[in-house]
Amino acid sequence: MQKSLIVSEKVHNELVKLKLLERAKNVSDLLEKLIIEYRKQKLKEFREEFKKALKEKGISFDEFLKKAGKIREEMYEQSA
C-alpha cells in the first residue's frame, strides 16, 4: 500500500537530487536507504557511549559479557 507525504518544495527537490545521486529506483527506496543509514549511525553513537561508560567503570567488554551471562542465568533460574 502506498502512502503520500507532504513536504516542502525544497525538501522535494533535495530528495529528487539524492535519488539521482544514489541511483535509487524511486524516492521510497531512497528513504529506506536513509532510514537504514540513520539507524546505523544511532547504533554507532550508542556503541561509542557504551564503550566510554565501560571504560569509565574500568570494565572490559569481555567482563561485561560474563556479568551479563550471570545475570541471564540468575533471571532464568528465578523464572523456573
Protein backbone atom coordinates (compact mmCIF):
# COMPACT_ATOMS: atom_id res chain seq x y z
CA MET A 1 0.00 0.00 0.00
CA GLN A 2 1.35 3.41 -0.94
CA LYS A 3 1.09 6.49 1.24
CA SER A 4 1.68 10.14 0.48
CA LEU A 5 3.72 12.63 2.45
CA ILE A 6 3.55 16.38 2.19
CA VAL A 7 6.98 18.01 2.05
CA SER A 8 8.14 21.46 1.14
CA GLU A 9 9.32 22.09 -2.39
CA LYS A 10 12.86 22.49 -1.07
CA VAL A 11 12.78 19.07 0.60
CA HIS A 12 11.20 17.54 -2.51
CA ASN A 13 13.99 18.93 -4.69
CA GLU A 14 16.65 17.61 -2.30
CA LEU A 15 15.04 14.17 -2.29
CA VAL A 16 14.98 14.09 -6.08
CA LYS A 17 18.67 15.12 -6.21
CA LEU A 18 19.59 12.46 -3.68
CA LYS A 19 17.57 9.87 -5.57
CA LEU A 20 19.61 10.60 -8.69
CA LEU A 21 22.94 10.68 -6.82
CA GLU A 22 22.21 7.39 -5.08
CA ARG A 23 20.78 5.85 -8.25
CA ALA A 24 17.71 4.80 -6.31
CA LYS A 25 14.73 3.46 -8.27
CA ASN A 26 12.39 5.84 -6.52
CA VAL A 27 12.14 8.12 -3.51
CA SER A 28 10.71 5.31 -1.41
CA ASP A 29 13.86 3.23 -1.96
CA LEU A 30 15.96 6.29 -1.19
CA LEU A 31 14.10 6.86 2.07
CA GLU A 32 14.60 3.22 3.04
CA LYS A 33 18.36 3.65 2.49
CA LEU A 34 18.35 6.86 4.52
CA ILE A 35 16.48 5.18 7.37
CA ILE A 36 18.97 2.30 7.41
CA GLU A 37 21.89 4.73 7.47
CA TYR A 38 20.24 6.72 10.26
CA ARG A 39 19.81 3.56 12.32
CA LYS A 40 23.43 2.56 11.70
CA GLN A 41 24.60 5.98 12.86
CA LYS A 42 22.49 5.79 16.02
CA LEU A 43 23.85 2.32 16.75
CA LYS A 44 27.41 3.59 16.23
CA GLU A 45 26.76 6.50 18.62
CA PHE A 46 25.31 4.13 21.22
CA ARG A 47 28.28 1.79 20.84
CA GLU A 48 30.70 4.65 21.47
CA GLU A 49 28.75 5.82 24.53
CA PHE A 50 28.63 2.25 25.83
CA LYS A 51 32.37 1.75 25.33
CA LYS A 52 33.03 5.05 27.11
CA ALA A 53 30.81 4.02 30.05
CA LEU A 54 32.57 0.66 30.35
CA LYS A 55 35.97 2.36 30.24
CA GLU A 56 34.93 4.83 32.95
CA LYS A 57 33.93 1.89 35.15
CA GLY A 58 37.12 0.01 34.34
CA ILE A 59 35.26 -2.93 32.82
CA SER A 60 36.34 -4.69 29.64
CA PHE A 61 33.75 -5.85 27.15
CA ASP A 62 34.56 -9.49 27.97
CA GLU A 63 33.97 -8.82 31.66
CA PHE A 64 30.68 -7.17 30.78
CA LEU A 65 29.60 -10.21 28.76
CA LYS A 66 30.45 -12.54 31.64
CA LYS A 67 28.43 -10.43 34.09
CA ALA A 68 25.53 -10.24 31.64
CA GLY A 69 25.63 -14.02 31.25
CA LYS A 70 25.47 -14.49 35.01
CA ILE A 71 22.53 -12.11 35.25
CA ARG A 72 20.69 -14.00 32.49
CA GLU A 73 21.32 -17.29 34.29
CA GLU A 74 20.00 -15.86 37.57
CA MET A 75 16.91 -14.48 35.84
CA TYR A 76 16.29 -17.84 34.17
CA GLU A 77 16.64 -19.68 37.49
CA GLN A 78 14.25 -17.26 39.19
CA SER A 79 11.64 -17.71 36.47
CA ALA A 80 11.81 -21.52 36.56
